[in-house]
Each structure stands twice: as C-alpha cells, then as structure tokens.
Amino acid sequence: MALGFLDIAMTPDVMDVQHEMGSDALWQHPRPGRTSDRFTASEEAMIASRDSFYMATVSQSGWPYLQHRGGPAGFLRMIDDKTLAMADFSGNRQYITSGNLRGSDRACLFLMDYPRRARLKIYATVEVFAPEAAPELLAQVTLPDYRARVERVYLFHLMAFDWNCPQHITPRYTTQQVAEYSQTLQTRIAELEHENQLLKEKLTSKGEDHV
C-alpha cells in the first residue's frame, strides 16, 4: 500500500500535540482522495518552473540540516511520475547535505511559488551518483547554458507529497517578474499619454477655431 504524506509525517508525538490542540479529528482519520505517491500535471508544472527549493536532510548527530538549492528554472527535473533528478553544482565545498545522505537516504524537499502563494513539500529517498557513473542521467540534468561544474547527480525517489494552504505566505517576485510586470505598466502608461496628447491637440485645435 502506498504511503501518503501524513502517513510519514504523523508520528505519535505529532498525534499527541494534535490531540492536545483539538485538531486530531481533522487529521487522524482516513482522507479519501489524498493519495500522493505519484506526481500529476500540477506538481510537474510547479517543479518545472522552480529556480530554487529547500532540501532537508538529517545528520549522524540527529540534527536536521536545511539547504537552499538553486539554478535556472527547471534545474530540478521530473524523470517520471515518481522520480526527480538534478545536477549538484560545485558550491562552498562543505558537503553537508551529501555527507548526511551517506548516513540516511531520506530527504524532504520544500518548493515555494511566492507569487502564487503555493508550496509543495516532498518526501523522497535519494541516490547520489558521480557524474561519470551515470552518463545517461547526467545528460538529462545537464544545463548547457549554465556555467557551473557538476560534482554529482541526485536522484530522488518519491515517497509522498502534499500541498500547503497559502496562509501566511507573503508574495515575492523575482527581478525578471518585476521587469515583466513593469513593462506591461510602462506600455499602458505610454498608450494613455499618447491618447492624452491627442485629446490635448484636439482641444487646442477647437479653441483656435473659435478665436
């Protein structure tokens, strides 16, 4: 039987707190239609448009580690409806995430779409490959126009996903999005200024005719 997101997240401690806060009736009963072991078109669109996400792993010490991962939009690739992959680019050379994955292959990905106030969270197990050990997979995640060295390839096997509500998400926009929205406004302003100038000329012409 496929696990749902809450099947993984709902530990006894979580259930105890839900009971204390009176929300156990909302979450501790079967919820039909909430299967989440395969990505659909909605998740595919969200994943393909992301230029960053957050990835959590757990260290040998038991402490969680949350890392920001970024790249051109679509650098996190959907291989099929149960698998994601991405190139791991050279960074600050701490290798905390990669080290953590040697001890535990479990990870949680957190994808944010701030303009739409949408968030997608994904539980996955992770395989890590050296580029030369997985040439076909490397070809799928290589970004020809992105000048960054690929140190390894991550393959994410979906366990479950879920969407969060938009509550408390402040909309934020990228520089490119602001420029695009601004261009639309500038175009409309130019149209209105031109229309205003024509009206002024028309009024001036009428005034001169009455002199």
C-alpha atoms as a PDB file:
ATOM      1  CA  MET A   1       0.000   0.000   0.000  1.00  0.00           C
ATOM      2  CA  ALA A   2       1.360   3.408  -0.988  1.00  0.00           C
ATOM      3  CA  LEU A   3       2.100   5.799   1.816  1.00  0.00           C
ATOM      4  CA  GLY A   4       0.538   9.239   1.938  1.00  0.00           C
ATOM      5  CA  PHE A   5       2.348  12.334   3.179  1.00  0.00           C
ATOM      6  CA  LEU A   6       0.582  12.233   6.542  1.00  0.00           C
ATOM      7  CA  ASP A   7       1.350   8.522   6.955  1.00  0.00           C
ATOM      8  CA  ILE A   8       5.001   9.554   7.117  1.00  0.00           C
ATOM      9  CA  ALA A   9       4.613  12.834   8.990  1.00  0.00           C
ATOM     10  CA  MET A  10       2.104  11.642  11.565  1.00  0.00           C
ATOM     11  CA  THR A  11       4.307  10.321  14.378  1.00  0.00           C
ATOM     12  CA  PRO A  12       2.982   9.526  17.855  1.00  0.00           C
ATOM     13  CA  ASP A  13       4.410  12.816  19.149  1.00  0.00           C
ATOM     14  CA  VAL A  14       2.636  14.742  16.388  1.00  0.00           C
ATOM     15  CA  MET A  15      -0.602  12.952  17.166  1.00  0.00           C
ATOM     16  CA  ASP A  16      -0.244  13.798  20.862  1.00  0.00           C
ATOM     17  CA  VAL A  17       0.075  17.512  20.085  1.00  0.00           C
ATOM     18  CA  GLN A  18      -2.878  17.370  17.688  1.00  0.00           C
ATOM     19  CA  HIS A  19      -4.940  15.790  20.441  1.00  0.00           C
ATOM     20  CA  GLU A  20      -3.872  18.494  22.917  1.00  0.00           C
ATOM     21  CA  MET A  21      -4.809  21.232  20.448  1.00  0.00           C
ATOM     22  CA  GLY A  22      -8.107  19.609  19.428  1.00  0.00           C
ATOM     23  CA  SER A  23      -7.196  19.047  15.781  1.00  0.00           C
ATOM     24  CA  ASP A  24      -6.876  15.272  15.833  1.00  0.00           C
ATOM     25  CA  ALA A  25     -10.353  14.875  14.328  1.00  0.00           C
ATOM     26  CA  LEU A  26      -9.115  16.804  11.275  1.00  0.00           C
ATOM     27  CA  TRP A  27      -6.002  14.760  10.576  1.00  0.00           C
ATOM     28  CA  GLN A  28      -6.119  11.370  12.294  1.00  0.00           C
ATOM     29  CA  HIS A  29      -8.810   9.753  10.171  1.00  0.00           C
ATOM     30  CA  PRO A  30      -8.521   8.339   6.633  1.00  0.00           C
ATOM     31  CA  ARG A  31      -8.873  11.029   3.990  1.00  0.00           C
ATOM     32  CA  PRO A  32     -10.120   9.609   0.642  1.00  0.00           C
ATOM     33  CA  GLY A  33      -8.540  11.036  -2.469  1.00  0.00           C
ATOM     34  CA  ARG A  34      -5.312  12.139  -0.813  1.00  0.00           C
ATOM     35  CA  THR A  35      -3.003   9.613  -2.457  1.00  0.00           C
ATOM     36  CA  SER A  36       0.300  11.288  -3.127  1.00  0.00           C
ATOM     37  CA  ASP A  37       2.727   8.640  -4.360  1.00  0.00           C
ATOM     38  CA  ARG A  38       2.719   9.828  -7.996  1.00  0.00           C
ATOM     39  CA  PHE A  39       3.204  13.306  -9.392  1.00  0.00           C
ATOM     40  CA  THR A  40       0.410  14.748 -11.523  1.00  0.00           C
ATOM     41  CA  ALA A  41       0.392  17.586 -14.049  1.00  0.00           C
ATOM     42  CA  SER A  42       0.009  20.138 -11.229  1.00  0.00           C
ATOM     43  CA  GLU A  43       3.185  19.004  -9.492  1.00  0.00           C
ATOM     44  CA  GLU A  44       5.040  18.732 -12.801  1.00  0.00           C
ATOM     45  CA  ALA A  45       4.233  22.363 -13.639  1.00  0.00           C
ATOM     46  CA  MET A  46       5.328  23.516 -10.191  1.00  0.00           C
ATOM     47  CA  ILE A  47       8.604  21.592 -10.337  1.00  0.00           C
ATOM     48  CA  ALA A  48       9.456  22.682 -13.887  1.00  0.00           C
ATOM     49  CA  SER A  49       9.065  26.377 -13.064  1.00  0.00           C
ATOM     50  CA  ARG A  50      11.193  26.444  -9.900  1.00  0.00           C
ATOM     51  CA  ASP A  51      14.582  28.157  -9.895  1.00  0.00           C
ATOM     52  CA  SER A  52      15.164  27.213  -6.245  1.00  0.00           C
ATOM     53  CA  PHE A  53      13.937  24.985  -3.461  1.00  0.00           C
ATOM     54  CA  TYR A  54      14.904  23.900   0.054  1.00  0.00           C
ATOM     55  CA  MET A  55      16.209  20.446   0.911  1.00  0.00           C
ATOM     56  CA  ALA A  56      16.304  18.968   4.402  1.00  0.00           C
ATOM     57  CA  THR A  57      18.451  16.030   5.479  1.00  0.00           C
ATOM     58  CA  VAL A  58      19.366  14.514   8.849  1.00  0.00           C
ATOM     59  CA  SER A  59      22.929  14.172  10.132  1.00  0.00           C
ATOM     60  CA  GLN A  60      24.551  11.404  12.157  1.00  0.00           C
ATOM     61  CA  SER A  61      24.169  13.635  15.215  1.00  0.00           C
ATOM     62  CA  GLY A  62      20.390  13.688  14.750  1.00  0.00           C
ATOM     63  CA  TRP A  63      20.297  17.387  13.862  1.00  0.00           C
ATOM     64  CA  PRO A  64      18.356  18.383  10.737  1.00  0.00           C
ATOM     65  CA  TYR A  65      20.104  20.414   8.050  1.00  0.00           C
ATOM     66  CA  LEU A  66      18.211  22.638   5.616  1.00  0.00           C
ATOM     67  CA  GLN A  67      19.931  23.778   2.442  1.00  0.00           C
ATOM     68  CA  HIS A  68      18.860  26.127  -0.337  1.00  0.00           C
ATOM     69  CA  ARG A  69      19.369  24.711  -3.830  1.00  0.00           C
ATOM     70  CA  GLY A  70      19.206  26.994  -6.849  1.00  0.00           C
ATOM     71  CA  GLY A  71      19.733  27.133 -10.598  1.00  0.00           C
ATOM     72  CA  PRO A  72      17.925  28.084 -13.795  1.00  0.00           C
ATOM     73  CA  ALA A  73      14.187  27.380 -13.842  1.00  0.00           C
ATOM     74  CA  GLY A  74      13.706  23.662 -14.385  1.00  0.00           C
ATOM     75  CA  PHE A  75      17.071  22.567 -12.977  1.00  0.00           C
ATOM     76  CA  LEU A  76      15.097  20.105 -10.837  1.00  0.00           C
ATOM     77  CA  ARG A  77      13.913  17.645 -13.472  1.00  0.00           C
ATOM     78  CA  MET A  78      10.965  15.272 -13.364  1.00  0.00           C
ATOM     79  CA  ILE A  79      12.177  11.993 -14.850  1.00  0.00           C
ATOM     80  CA  ASP A  80       8.833  10.234 -14.447  1.00  0.00           C
ATOM     81  CA  ASP A  81       5.812  10.470 -12.147  1.00  0.00           C
ATOM     82  CA  LYS A  82       7.765   9.000  -9.219  1.00  0.00           C
ATOM     83  CA  THR A  83      11.288  10.298  -9.830  1.00  0.00           C
ATOM     84  CA  LEU A  84      13.123  13.635  -9.822  1.00  0.00           C
ATOM     85  CA  ALA A  85      16.757  14.384 -10.581  1.00  0.00           C
ATOM     86  CA  MET A  86      19.125  17.318 -10.502  1.00  0.00           C
ATOM     87  CA  ALA A  87      22.767  18.161 -11.030  1.00  0.00           C
ATOM     88  CA  ASP A  88      24.595  19.076  -7.835  1.00  0.00           C
ATOM     89  CA  PHE A  89      26.772  22.046  -8.711  1.00  0.00           C
ATOM     90  CA  SER A  90      30.041  22.985  -7.070  1.00  0.00           C
ATOM     91  CA  GLY A  91      29.470  25.347  -4.118  1.00  0.00           C
ATOM     92  CA  ASN A  92      31.166  26.211  -0.838  1.00  0.00           C
ATOM     93  CA  ARG A  93      32.642  22.692  -0.565  1.00  0.00           C
ATOM     94  CA  GLN A  94      31.191  21.924   2.872  1.00  0.00           C
ATOM     95  CA  TYR A  95      29.281  18.890   1.509  1.00  0.00           C
ATOM     96  CA  ILE A  96      26.938  18.718   4.498  1.00  0.00           C
ATOM     97  CA  THR A  97      23.924  17.517   2.514  1.00  0.00           C
ATOM     98  CA  SER A  98      25.966  14.957   0.567  1.00  0.00           C
ATOM     99  CA  GLY A  99      27.555  13.741   3.793  1.00  0.00           C
ATOM    100  CA  ASN A 100      24.209  13.422   5.530  1.00  0.00           C
ATOM    101  CA  LEU A 101      22.867  11.345   2.652  1.00  0.00           C
ATOM    102  CA  ARG A 102      25.585   8.763   3.246  1.00  0.00           C
ATOM    103  CA  GLY A 103      24.130   8.061   6.666  1.00  0.00           C
ATOM    104  CA  SER A 104      20.443   8.374   5.730  1.00  0.00           C
ATOM    105  CA  ASP A 105      18.985   8.498   2.238  1.00  0.00           C
ATOM    106  CA  ARG A 106      15.862  10.336   3.434  1.00  0.00           C
ATOM    107  CA  ALA A 107      15.169  13.924   2.461  1.00  0.00           C
ATOM    108  CA  CYS A 108      12.343  16.437   2.369  1.00  0.00           C
ATOM    109  CA  LEU A 109      12.085  18.988  -0.420  1.00  0.00           C
ATOM    110  CA  PHE A 110      10.181  22.238   0.020  1.00  0.00           C
ATOM    111  CA  LEU A 111       9.228  24.119  -3.153  1.00  0.00           C
ATOM    112  CA  MET A 112       7.859  27.669  -2.978  1.00  0.00           C
ATOM    113  CA  ASP A 113       5.962  29.697  -5.566  1.00  0.00           C
ATOM    114  CA  TYR A 114       5.751  33.069  -3.835  1.00  0.00           C
ATOM    115  CA  PRO A 115       3.743  34.984  -6.474  1.00  0.00           C
ATOM    116  CA  ARG A 116       1.028  32.296  -6.450  1.00  0.00           C
ATOM    117  CA  ARG A 117       1.417  31.740  -2.691  1.00  0.00           C
ATOM    118  CA  ALA A 118       1.781  27.991  -3.258  1.00  0.00           C
ATOM    119  CA  ARG A 119       4.077  25.486  -1.576  1.00  0.00           C
ATOM    120  CA  LEU A 120       4.773  21.861  -2.396  1.00  0.00           C
ATOM    121  CA  LYS A 121       6.518  19.538   0.064  1.00  0.00           C
ATOM    122  CA  ILE A 122       8.005  16.217  -0.976  1.00  0.00           C
ATOM    123  CA  TYR A 123       9.302  13.232   0.978  1.00  0.00           C
ATOM    124  CA  ALA A 124      11.875  11.258  -1.007  1.00  0.00           C
ATOM    125  CA  THR A 125      14.766   8.861  -0.737  1.00  0.00           C
ATOM    126  CA  VAL A 126      17.912   9.965  -2.531  1.00  0.00           C
ATOM    127  CA  GLU A 127      20.558   8.207  -4.587  1.00  0.00           C
ATOM    128  CA  VAL A 128      23.819  10.060  -5.230  1.00  0.00           C
ATOM    129  CA  PHE A 129      25.897   9.342  -8.334  1.00  0.00           C
ATOM    130  CA  ALA A 130      29.267  10.540  -9.560  1.00  0.00           C
ATOM    131  CA  PRO A 131      28.761  12.144 -12.998  1.00  0.00           C
ATOM    132  CA  GLU A 132      30.882   9.539 -14.777  1.00  0.00           C
ATOM    133  CA  ALA A 133      28.922   6.713 -13.114  1.00  0.00           C
ATOM    134  CA  ALA A 134      25.562   7.809 -14.577  1.00  0.00           C
ATOM    135  CA  PRO A 135      26.148   9.341 -18.038  1.00  0.00           C
ATOM    136  CA  GLU A 136      22.545   8.958 -19.216  1.00  0.00           C
ATOM    137  CA  LEU A 137      21.176  10.564 -16.060  1.00  0.00           C
ATOM    138  CA  LEU A 138      23.817  13.290 -16.280  1.00  0.00           C
ATOM    139  CA  ALA A 139      22.667  14.112 -19.812  1.00  0.00           C
ATOM    140  CA  GLN A 140      19.112  14.596 -18.538  1.00  0.00           C
ATOM    141  CA  VAL A 141      20.082  17.108 -15.845  1.00  0.00           C
ATOM    142  CA  THR A 142      22.911  18.968 -17.590  1.00  0.00           C
ATOM    143  CA  LEU A 143      22.107  22.607 -18.340  1.00  0.00           C
ATOM    144  CA  PRO A 144      24.110  23.616 -21.450  1.00  0.00           C
ATOM    145  CA  ASP A 145      23.850  27.369 -20.863  1.00  0.00           C
ATOM    146  CA  TYR A 146      24.568  27.277 -17.132  1.00  0.00           C
ATOM    147  CA  ARG A 147      28.247  27.692 -16.335  1.00  0.00           C
ATOM    148  CA  ALA A 148      28.629  25.625 -13.190  1.00  0.00           C
ATOM    149  CA  ARG A 149      30.592  22.450 -12.582  1.00  0.00           C
ATOM    150  CA  VAL A 150      28.529  19.338 -11.871  1.00  0.00           C
ATOM    151  CA  GLU A 151      30.051  17.410  -8.956  1.00  0.00           C
ATOM    152  CA  ARG A 152      27.372  14.731  -8.595  1.00  0.00           C
ATOM    153  CA  VAL A 153      23.836  13.860  -9.598  1.00  0.00           C
ATOM    154  CA  TYR A 154      20.949  13.443  -7.170  1.00  0.00           C
ATOM    155  CA  LEU A 155      18.128  11.038  -7.985  1.00  0.00           C
ATOM    156  CA  PHE A 156      15.002  11.493  -5.836  1.00  0.00           C
ATOM    157  CA  HIS A 157      12.562   8.607  -5.437  1.00  0.00           C
ATOM    158  CA  LEU A 158       9.160   9.944  -4.407  1.00  0.00           C
ATOM    159  CA  MET A 159       7.659   8.611  -1.209  1.00  0.00           C
ATOM    160  CA  ALA A 160       4.833  11.155  -0.827  1.00  0.00           C
ATOM    161  CA  PHE A 161       3.995  14.803  -1.439  1.00  0.00           C
ATOM    162  CA  ASP A 162       1.474  17.340  -0.224  1.00  0.00           C
ATOM    163  CA  TRP A 163       0.448  20.933  -0.895  1.00  0.00           C
ATOM    164  CA  ASN A 164       0.133  23.555   1.830  1.00  0.00           C
ATOM    165  CA  CYS A 165      -2.505  26.251   2.016  1.00  0.00           C
ATOM    166  CA  PRO A 166      -1.436  29.817   1.019  1.00  0.00           C
ATOM    167  CA  GLN A 167      -1.979  31.188   4.525  1.00  0.00           C
ATOM    168  CA  HIS A 168       0.820  33.460   5.814  1.00  0.00           C
ATOM    169  CA  ILE A 169       2.805  33.355   2.535  1.00  0.00           C
ATOM    170  CA  THR A 170       3.905  36.858   1.556  1.00  0.00           C
ATOM    171  CA  PRO A 171       4.012  37.228  -2.263  1.00  0.00           C
ATOM    172  CA  ARG A 172       7.535  37.922  -3.546  1.00  0.00           C
ATOM    173  CA  TYR A 173       8.694  38.439  -7.112  1.00  0.00           C
ATOM    174  CA  THR A 174      11.939  37.861  -8.972  1.00  0.00           C
ATOM    175  CA  THR A 175      13.768  40.673 -10.759  1.00  0.00           C
ATOM    176  CA  GLN A 176      12.621  39.237 -14.085  1.00  0.00           C
ATOM    177  CA  GLN A 177       8.987  39.082 -12.959  1.00  0.00           C
ATOM    178  CA  VAL A 178       9.100  42.676 -11.708  1.00  0.00           C
ATOM    179  CA  ALA A 179      10.607  43.763 -15.030  1.00  0.00           C
ATOM    180  CA  GLU A 180       7.881  41.938 -16.981  1.00  0.00           C
ATOM    181  CA  TYR A 181       5.070  43.396 -14.867  1.00  0.00           C
ATOM    182  CA  SER A 182       6.699  46.819 -15.037  1.00  0.00           C
ATOM    183  CA  GLN A 183       6.934  46.626 -18.832  1.00  0.00           C
ATOM    184  CA  THR A 184       3.196  45.998 -19.052  1.00  0.00           C
ATOM    185  CA  LEU A 185       2.539  49.077 -16.917  1.00  0.00           C
ATOM    186  CA  GLN A 186       5.011  51.195 -18.895  1.00  0.00           C
ATOM    187  CA  THR A 187       3.338  50.162 -22.148  1.00  0.00           C
ATOM    188  CA  ARG A 188      -0.085  51.092 -20.788  1.00  0.00           C
ATOM    189  CA  ILE A 189       1.219  54.419 -19.464  1.00  0.00           C
ATOM    190  CA  ALA A 190       2.697  55.229 -22.883  1.00  0.00           C
ATOM    191  CA  GLU A 191      -0.642  54.426 -24.543  1.00  0.00           C
ATOM    192  CA  LEU A 192      -2.525  56.683 -22.114  1.00  0.00           C
ATOM    193  CA  GLU A 193      -0.005  59.515 -22.534  1.00  0.00           C
ATOM    194  CA  HIS A 194      -0.357  59.277 -26.313  1.00  0.00           C
ATOM    195  CA  GLU A 195      -4.147  59.298 -26.008  1.00  0.00           C
ATOM    196  CA  ASN A 196      -3.956  62.276 -23.649  1.00  0.00           C
ATOM    197  CA  GLN A 197      -1.714  64.161 -26.067  1.00  0.00           C
ATOM    198  CA  LEU A 198      -4.161  63.581 -28.921  1.00  0.00           C
ATOM    199  CA  LEU A 199      -7.023  64.905 -26.786  1.00  0.00           C
ATOM    200  CA  LYS A 200      -4.988  67.994 -25.847  1.00  0.00           C
ATOM    201  CA  GLU A 201      -4.209  68.665 -29.505  1.00  0.00           C
ATOM    202  CA  LYS A 202      -7.868  68.216 -30.392  1.00  0.00           C
ATOM    203  CA  LEU A 203      -8.968  70.660 -27.674  1.00  0.00           C
ATOM    204  CA  THR A 204      -6.319  73.156 -28.707  1.00  0.00           C
ATOM    205  CA  SER A 205      -7.439  72.894 -32.342  1.00  0.00           C
ATOM    206  CA  LYS A 206     -11.070  73.506 -31.372  1.00  0.00           C
ATOM    207  CA  GLY A 207     -10.068  76.523 -29.265  1.00  0.00           C
ATOM    208  CA  GLU A 208      -8.196  78.065 -32.161  1.00  0.00           C
ATOM    209  CA  ASP A 209     -11.170  77.562 -34.460  1.00  0.00           C
ATOM    210  CA  HIS A 210     -13.316  79.687 -32.142  1.00  0.00           C
ATOM    211  CA  VAL A 211     -10.861  82.600 -31.999  1.00  0.00           C
END
